[in-house]
Amino acid sequence: MKIGIIGAGNIGGNLTRRLTKLGHEVRVANSRGPESLADLVAETGATAVQADAAALDADLVVVTIPEKKIPDLDKGFLKGAKKDAVVIDTGNYYPQQRDGLIAEIENGVTESRWVANQIGHPVVKAFNGIYSVNLIEKARPQGAADRMALPVAGDDPAAKKVVMDLIEELGFTAVDAGTLDESWRQQPGTPVYGLVGDAQAVKEALAAASPVRLPEWRA
């Protein structure tokens, strides 16, 4: 696939490493400009671009930037993507730690629903609860006893399948976590967030989640 990655931090950088190694064509961007990504490009063979060009001709776009930076994205950043391009949101709302107050999320809108509303395009929530190092170290072949599972939430079954298939290709088991409005089950502070476990453990953690946001995850 042709994949655009907006954000080259811990998650974006390691997704670039894994996806290029699997043979995907990756265009990656950050807020500091392509020249700042020279080392990542040399390591992976990805193409560094400006953020407004990351989605050019992309089948899939990964948005992996701080929540507070989402409104700053160029409003036309998806215009160059393919008509049916899938957008993954890996983000989390960290009000006390980084993002400050986002009123809609504080009032109950799920984090990824808020992102979808901001960018004007449906998203699939994935990779938000995995430690970045585990993208490299925990990948396992299908059938491995210690294969880690990851939850995936979204409204469009076809888009969700694309993401779940990619997760399987990366060496993890994908677990359907419901619609985007149910994605609070995988937000920070929930049992599945940061969990290293198999599919059954992820399903049980999702079922055990509470919609009440814990004090440390509120502004």
C-alpha atoms as a PDB file:
ATOM      1  CA  MET A   1       0.000   0.000   0.000  1.00  0.00           C
ATOM      2  CA  LYS A   2       0.890   3.639  -0.303  1.00  0.00           C
ATOM      3  CA  ILE A   3       0.839   4.983   3.243  1.00  0.00           C
ATOM      4  CA  GLY A   4       1.179   8.533   4.531  1.00  0.00           C
ATOM      5  CA  ILE A   5       2.270   9.086   8.126  1.00  0.00           C
ATOM      6  CA  ILE A   6       1.775  12.484   9.721  1.00  0.00           C
ATOM      7  CA  GLY A   7       3.881  12.594  12.851  1.00  0.00           C
ATOM      8  CA  ALA A   8       7.300  10.996  13.251  1.00  0.00           C
ATOM      9  CA  GLY A   9       7.491  10.626  17.008  1.00  0.00           C
ATOM     10  CA  ASN A  10       7.709   7.310  18.824  1.00  0.00           C
ATOM     11  CA  ILE A  11       4.658   5.686  17.231  1.00  0.00           C
ATOM     12  CA  GLY A  12       5.021   7.327  13.818  1.00  0.00           C
ATOM     13  CA  GLY A  13       8.717   6.541  13.644  1.00  0.00           C
ATOM     14  CA  ASN A  14       8.309   2.883  14.536  1.00  0.00           C
ATOM     15  CA  LEU A  15       5.348   2.457  12.198  1.00  0.00           C
ATOM     16  CA  THR A  16       7.557   3.882   9.448  1.00  0.00           C
ATOM     17  CA  ARG A  17      10.239   1.339  10.317  1.00  0.00           C
ATOM     18  CA  ARG A  18       7.859  -1.618  10.371  1.00  0.00           C
ATOM     19  CA  LEU A  19       5.764  -0.680   7.343  1.00  0.00           C
ATOM     20  CA  THR A  20       8.706   0.028   5.041  1.00  0.00           C
ATOM     21  CA  LYS A  21      10.276  -3.279   6.057  1.00  0.00           C
ATOM     22  CA  LEU A  22       7.047  -5.009   5.023  1.00  0.00           C
ATOM     23  CA  GLY A  23       7.320  -3.415   1.591  1.00  0.00           C
ATOM     24  CA  HIS A  24       4.809  -0.585   1.882  1.00  0.00           C
ATOM     25  CA  GLU A  25       5.572   2.749   0.235  1.00  0.00           C
ATOM     26  CA  VAL A  26       5.684   5.306   3.053  1.00  0.00           C
ATOM     27  CA  ARG A  27       5.647   9.095   2.945  1.00  0.00           C
ATOM     28  CA  VAL A  28       6.325  10.570   6.369  1.00  0.00           C
ATOM     29  CA  ALA A  29       6.029  14.114   7.676  1.00  0.00           C
ATOM     30  CA  ASN A  30       6.474  16.023  10.905  1.00  0.00           C
ATOM     31  CA  SER A  31       6.137  19.603  12.093  1.00  0.00           C
ATOM     32  CA  ARG A  32       9.839  20.370  11.682  1.00  0.00           C
ATOM     33  CA  GLY A  33      10.149  19.686   7.974  1.00  0.00           C
ATOM     34  CA  PRO A  34      11.566  16.904   5.772  1.00  0.00           C
ATOM     35  CA  GLU A  35      15.204  17.758   6.461  1.00  0.00           C
ATOM     36  CA  SER A  36      14.729  16.819  10.130  1.00  0.00           C
ATOM     37  CA  LEU A  37      13.807  13.276   9.053  1.00  0.00           C
ATOM     38  CA  ALA A  38      17.066  12.521   7.231  1.00  0.00           C
ATOM     39  CA  ASP A  39      18.114   9.786   9.664  1.00  0.00           C
ATOM     40  CA  LEU A  40      14.736   8.029   9.508  1.00  0.00           C
ATOM     41  CA  VAL A  41      14.773   8.217   5.711  1.00  0.00           C
ATOM     42  CA  ALA A  42      18.290   6.791   5.568  1.00  0.00           C
ATOM     43  CA  GLU A  43      17.290   3.962   7.887  1.00  0.00           C
ATOM     44  CA  THR A  44      13.999   3.017   6.254  1.00  0.00           C
ATOM     45  CA  GLY A  45      13.886   4.266   2.669  1.00  0.00           C
ATOM     46  CA  ALA A  46      10.709   6.223   3.404  1.00  0.00           C
ATOM     47  CA  THR A  47      10.137   9.544   1.654  1.00  0.00           C
ATOM     48  CA  ALA A  48      10.134  12.629   3.862  1.00  0.00           C
ATOM     49  CA  VAL A  49       7.639  15.311   2.830  1.00  0.00           C
ATOM     50  CA  GLN A  50       5.795  18.334   4.154  1.00  0.00           C
ATOM     51  CA  ALA A  51       2.683  17.468   6.171  1.00  0.00           C
ATOM     52  CA  ASP A  52       0.329  18.692   3.442  1.00  0.00           C
ATOM     53  CA  ALA A  53       1.903  16.216   0.980  1.00  0.00           C
ATOM     54  CA  ALA A  54       1.980  13.102   3.174  1.00  0.00           C
ATOM     55  CA  ALA A  55      -1.389  11.849   1.953  1.00  0.00           C
ATOM     56  CA  LEU A  56      -0.619  12.244  -1.759  1.00  0.00           C
ATOM     57  CA  ASP A  57      -2.047   9.218  -3.605  1.00  0.00           C
ATOM     58  CA  ALA A  58      -2.238   7.336  -0.291  1.00  0.00           C
ATOM     59  CA  ASP A  59      -4.367   4.266   0.317  1.00  0.00           C
ATOM     60  CA  LEU A  60      -4.035   4.818   4.050  1.00  0.00           C
ATOM     61  CA  VAL A  61      -3.055   7.801   6.194  1.00  0.00           C
ATOM     62  CA  VAL A  62      -1.865   7.597   9.795  1.00  0.00           C
ATOM     63  CA  VAL A  63      -2.375  10.701  11.943  1.00  0.00           C
ATOM     64  CA  THR A  64      -0.130  10.384  14.968  1.00  0.00           C
ATOM     65  CA  ILE A  65       0.350  13.840  16.467  1.00  0.00           C
ATOM     66  CA  PRO A  66      -0.586  15.401  19.823  1.00  0.00           C
ATOM     67  CA  GLU A  67      -4.314  16.003  20.246  1.00  0.00           C
ATOM     68  CA  LYS A  68      -3.792  19.728  20.710  1.00  0.00           C
ATOM     69  CA  LYS A  69      -2.125  19.910  17.264  1.00  0.00           C
ATOM     70  CA  ILE A  70      -5.033  18.331  15.370  1.00  0.00           C
ATOM     71  CA  PRO A  71      -6.813  21.672  14.702  1.00  0.00           C
ATOM     72  CA  ASP A  72      -3.560  23.007  13.220  1.00  0.00           C
ATOM     73  CA  LEU A  73      -3.512  20.451  10.400  1.00  0.00           C
ATOM     74  CA  ASP A  74      -3.938  21.945   6.949  1.00  0.00           C
ATOM     75  CA  LYS A  75      -7.660  21.613   6.180  1.00  0.00           C
ATOM     76  CA  GLY A  76      -6.837  20.126   2.782  1.00  0.00           C
ATOM     77  CA  PHE A  77      -4.224  17.637   3.937  1.00  0.00           C
ATOM     78  CA  LEU A  78      -6.315  14.691   2.677  1.00  0.00           C
ATOM     79  CA  LYS A  79      -7.209  16.153  -0.726  1.00  0.00           C
ATOM     80  CA  GLY A  80      -4.441  14.261  -2.508  1.00  0.00           C
ATOM     81  CA  ALA A  81      -5.338  10.898  -0.984  1.00  0.00           C
ATOM     82  CA  LYS A  82      -7.227   8.223  -2.889  1.00  0.00           C
ATOM     83  CA  LYS A  83     -10.999   8.558  -2.795  1.00  0.00           C
ATOM     84  CA  ASP A  84     -11.489   5.632  -0.435  1.00  0.00           C
ATOM     85  CA  ALA A  85      -8.375   6.256   1.672  1.00  0.00           C
ATOM     86  CA  VAL A  86      -8.547   5.008   5.255  1.00  0.00           C
ATOM     87  CA  VAL A  87      -7.389   7.316   8.058  1.00  0.00           C
ATOM     88  CA  ILE A  88      -5.994   5.901  11.306  1.00  0.00           C
ATOM     89  CA  ASP A  89      -5.998   8.027  14.446  1.00  0.00           C
ATOM     90  CA  THR A  90      -3.419   6.847  16.981  1.00  0.00           C
ATOM     91  CA  GLY A  91      -3.860   9.812  19.311  1.00  0.00           C
ATOM     92  CA  ASN A  92      -4.786  10.219  22.955  1.00  0.00           C
ATOM     93  CA  TYR A  93      -6.060  13.152  24.986  1.00  0.00           C
ATOM     94  CA  TYR A  94      -3.607  14.042  27.751  1.00  0.00           C
ATOM     95  CA  PRO A  95      -5.158  17.176  29.297  1.00  0.00           C
ATOM     96  CA  GLN A  96      -2.914  17.521  32.338  1.00  0.00           C
ATOM     97  CA  GLN A  97       0.209  16.114  30.753  1.00  0.00           C
ATOM     98  CA  ARG A  98       0.242  17.864  27.370  1.00  0.00           C
ATOM     99  CA  ASP A  99      -2.917  19.001  25.599  1.00  0.00           C
ATOM    100  CA  GLY A 100      -4.751  21.322  27.947  1.00  0.00           C
ATOM    101  CA  LEU A 101      -8.532  21.410  28.023  1.00  0.00           C
ATOM    102  CA  ILE A 102     -10.534  20.278  24.983  1.00  0.00           C
ATOM    103  CA  ALA A 103     -14.115  20.990  25.977  1.00  0.00           C
ATOM    104  CA  GLU A 104     -15.866  18.544  23.649  1.00  0.00           C
ATOM    105  CA  ILE A 105     -13.804  15.621  24.914  1.00  0.00           C
ATOM    106  CA  GLU A 106     -14.265  16.698  28.518  1.00  0.00           C
ATOM    107  CA  ASN A 107     -18.021  16.719  27.851  1.00  0.00           C
ATOM    108  CA  GLY A 108     -18.061  13.141  26.605  1.00  0.00           C
ATOM    109  CA  VAL A 109     -17.174  13.074  22.911  1.00  0.00           C
ATOM    110  CA  THR A 110     -14.746  10.207  22.344  1.00  0.00           C
ATOM    111  CA  GLU A 111     -11.249  11.315  21.461  1.00  0.00           C
ATOM    112  CA  SER A 112     -11.247   9.817  17.974  1.00  0.00           C
ATOM    113  CA  ARG A 113     -14.769  11.106  17.217  1.00  0.00           C
ATOM    114  CA  TRP A 114     -13.418  14.554  18.053  1.00  0.00           C
ATOM    115  CA  VAL A 115     -10.479  14.004  15.701  1.00  0.00           C
ATOM    116  CA  ALA A 116     -12.820  12.874  12.919  1.00  0.00           C
ATOM    117  CA  ASN A 117     -14.940  15.977  13.412  1.00  0.00           C
ATOM    118  CA  GLN A 118     -11.875  18.209  13.341  1.00  0.00           C
ATOM    119  CA  ILE A 119     -10.425  16.816  10.118  1.00  0.00           C
ATOM    120  CA  GLY A 120     -13.775  16.262   8.391  1.00  0.00           C
ATOM    121  CA  HIS A 121     -13.075  12.612   7.569  1.00  0.00           C
ATOM    122  CA  PRO A 122     -13.937   9.295   9.243  1.00  0.00           C
ATOM    123  CA  VAL A 123     -11.131   7.705  11.230  1.00  0.00           C
ATOM    124  CA  VAL A 124     -10.308   4.301  12.650  1.00  0.00           C
ATOM    125  CA  LYS A 125      -8.836   4.309  16.155  1.00  0.00           C
ATOM    126  CA  ALA A 126      -5.805   2.022  16.477  1.00  0.00           C
ATOM    127  CA  PHE A 127      -2.286   1.886  17.933  1.00  0.00           C
ATOM    128  CA  ASN A 128      -3.199   4.399  20.652  1.00  0.00           C
ATOM    129  CA  GLY A 129      -2.544   2.089  23.600  1.00  0.00           C
ATOM    130  CA  ILE A 130       0.606   0.273  22.543  1.00  0.00           C
ATOM    131  CA  TYR A 131       4.014   1.357  23.792  1.00  0.00           C
ATOM    132  CA  SER A 132       6.052   2.281  20.727  1.00  0.00           C
ATOM    133  CA  VAL A 133       8.869  -0.140  21.542  1.00  0.00           C
ATOM    134  CA  ASN A 134       6.353  -2.989  21.420  1.00  0.00           C
ATOM    135  CA  LEU A 135       5.682  -2.270  17.745  1.00  0.00           C
ATOM    136  CA  ILE A 136       9.212  -3.539  17.207  1.00  0.00           C
ATOM    137  CA  GLU A 137       9.718  -6.063  19.993  1.00  0.00           C
ATOM    138  CA  LYS A 138       6.316  -7.746  20.385  1.00  0.00           C
ATOM    139  CA  ALA A 139       5.485  -8.636  16.790  1.00  0.00           C
ATOM    140  CA  ARG A 140       4.882 -12.360  16.419  1.00  0.00           C
ATOM    141  CA  PRO A 141       3.724 -14.705  13.622  1.00  0.00           C
ATOM    142  CA  GLN A 142       0.154 -15.969  13.557  1.00  0.00           C
ATOM    143  CA  GLY A 143      -0.323 -18.836  15.956  1.00  0.00           C
ATOM    144  CA  ALA A 144       2.393 -17.764  18.382  1.00  0.00           C
ATOM    145  CA  ALA A 145       1.342 -18.335  21.995  1.00  0.00           C
ATOM    146  CA  ASP A 146       2.553 -14.901  23.063  1.00  0.00           C
ATOM    147  CA  ARG A 147       1.077 -12.919  20.162  1.00  0.00           C
ATOM    148  CA  MET A 148      -0.107  -9.533  21.405  1.00  0.00           C
ATOM    149  CA  ALA A 149      -3.564  -8.213  20.468  1.00  0.00           C
ATOM    150  CA  LEU A 150      -4.620  -4.640  19.711  1.00  0.00           C
ATOM    151  CA  PRO A 151      -8.131  -3.108  19.773  1.00  0.00           C
ATOM    152  CA  VAL A 152      -9.526  -1.333  16.705  1.00  0.00           C
ATOM    153  CA  ALA A 153     -12.608   0.907  16.695  1.00  0.00           C
ATOM    154  CA  GLY A 154     -14.409   2.493  13.767  1.00  0.00           C
ATOM    155  CA  ASP A 155     -17.751   2.988  12.067  1.00  0.00           C
ATOM    156  CA  ASP A 156     -16.990   1.750   8.540  1.00  0.00           C
ATOM    157  CA  PRO A 157     -16.575  -2.052   8.441  1.00  0.00           C
ATOM    158  CA  ALA A 158     -14.514  -1.899   5.241  1.00  0.00           C
ATOM    159  CA  ALA A 159     -12.129   0.717   6.628  1.00  0.00           C
ATOM    160  CA  LYS A 160     -11.835  -1.181   9.889  1.00  0.00           C
ATOM    161  CA  LYS A 161     -10.979  -4.369   7.985  1.00  0.00           C
ATOM    162  CA  VAL A 162      -8.147  -2.595   6.169  1.00  0.00           C
ATOM    163  CA  VAL A 163      -6.687  -1.534   9.506  1.00  0.00           C
ATOM    164  CA  MET A 164      -7.219  -4.908  11.149  1.00  0.00           C
ATOM    165  CA  ASP A 165      -5.553  -6.677   8.216  1.00  0.00           C
ATOM    166  CA  LEU A 166      -2.590  -4.302   8.499  1.00  0.00           C
ATOM    167  CA  ILE A 167      -2.289  -4.997  12.222  1.00  0.00           C
ATOM    168  CA  GLU A 168      -2.251  -8.729  11.488  1.00  0.00           C
ATOM    169  CA  GLU A 169       0.446  -8.157   8.859  1.00  0.00           C
ATOM    170  CA  LEU A 170       2.499  -6.264  11.441  1.00  0.00           C
ATOM    171  CA  GLY A 171       2.460  -9.306  13.710  1.00  0.00           C
ATOM    172  CA  PHE A 172      -0.387  -8.564  16.118  1.00  0.00           C
ATOM    173  CA  THR A 173      -3.927  -9.898  16.541  1.00  0.00           C
ATOM    174  CA  ALA A 174      -6.600  -7.305  15.768  1.00  0.00           C
ATOM    175  CA  VAL A 175      -9.667  -7.188  18.023  1.00  0.00           C
ATOM    176  CA  ASP A 176     -12.818  -5.382  16.912  1.00  0.00           C
ATOM    177  CA  ALA A 177     -13.586  -2.865  19.666  1.00  0.00           C
ATOM    178  CA  GLY A 178     -16.822  -1.543  18.182  1.00  0.00           C
ATOM    179  CA  THR A 179     -17.787   1.815  16.741  1.00  0.00           C
ATOM    180  CA  LEU A 180     -15.981   5.108  17.153  1.00  0.00           C
ATOM    181  CA  ASP A 181     -18.474   6.155  19.827  1.00  0.00           C
ATOM    182  CA  GLU A 182     -17.469   3.035  21.753  1.00  0.00           C
ATOM    183  CA  SER A 183     -13.766   3.832  21.467  1.00  0.00           C
ATOM    184  CA  TRP A 184     -13.750   5.288  24.998  1.00  0.00           C
ATOM    185  CA  ARG A 185     -13.110   1.674  25.978  1.00  0.00           C
ATOM    186  CA  GLN A 186      -9.514   2.019  24.720  1.00  0.00           C
ATOM    187  CA  GLN A 187      -8.771   5.588  25.820  1.00  0.00           C
ATOM    188  CA  PRO A 188      -6.116   6.371  28.486  1.00  0.00           C
ATOM    189  CA  GLY A 189      -7.008   5.098  31.931  1.00  0.00           C
ATOM    190  CA  THR A 190      -8.970   2.071  30.703  1.00  0.00           C
ATOM    191  CA  PRO A 191      -7.909  -1.540  31.366  1.00  0.00           C
ATOM    192  CA  VAL A 192      -6.839  -2.168  27.766  1.00  0.00           C
ATOM    193  CA  TYR A 193      -4.659   0.944  27.534  1.00  0.00           C
ATOM    194  CA  GLY A 194      -1.031  -0.240  27.578  1.00  0.00           C
ATOM    195  CA  LEU A 195      -2.101  -3.863  27.996  1.00  0.00           C
ATOM    196  CA  VAL A 196       0.221  -6.552  26.703  1.00  0.00           C
ATOM    197  CA  GLY A 197      -2.078  -9.524  26.255  1.00  0.00           C
ATOM    198  CA  ASP A 198      -3.734 -11.860  23.798  1.00  0.00           C
ATOM    199  CA  ALA A 199      -7.104 -11.450  22.102  1.00  0.00           C
ATOM    200  CA  GLN A 200      -9.057 -12.842  25.044  1.00  0.00           C
ATOM    201  CA  ALA A 201      -7.304 -10.509  27.476  1.00  0.00           C
ATOM    202  CA  VAL A 202      -8.067  -7.521  25.241  1.00  0.00           C
ATOM    203  CA  LYS A 203     -11.741  -8.500  24.923  1.00  0.00           C
ATOM    204  CA  GLU A 204     -12.044  -8.848  28.697  1.00  0.00           C
ATOM    205  CA  ALA A 205     -10.324  -5.498  29.254  1.00  0.00           C
ATOM    206  CA  LEU A 206     -12.630  -3.752  26.786  1.00  0.00           C
ATOM    207  CA  ALA A 207     -15.670  -5.260  28.527  1.00  0.00           C
ATOM    208  CA  ALA A 208     -14.394  -4.102  31.936  1.00  0.00           C
ATOM    209  CA  ALA A 209     -13.936  -0.456  30.892  1.00  0.00           C
ATOM    210  CA  SER A 210     -15.930   2.359  32.479  1.00  0.00           C
ATOM    211  CA  PRO A 211     -17.122   5.417  30.537  1.00  0.00           C
ATOM    212  CA  VAL A 212     -16.271   7.634  33.513  1.00  0.00           C
ATOM    213  CA  ARG A 213     -12.992   9.429  32.816  1.00  0.00           C
ATOM    214  CA  LEU A 214     -10.617   9.159  35.769  1.00  0.00           C
ATOM    215  CA  PRO A 215      -9.476  12.418  37.456  1.00  0.00           C
ATOM    216  CA  GLU A 216      -5.904  12.106  36.140  1.00  0.00           C
ATOM    217  CA  TRP A 217      -7.246  12.051  32.595  1.00  0.00           C
ATOM    218  CA  ARG A 218      -9.401  15.182  32.980  1.00  0.00           C
ATOM    219  CA  ALA A 219      -8.313  18.786  32.647  1.00  0.00           C
END
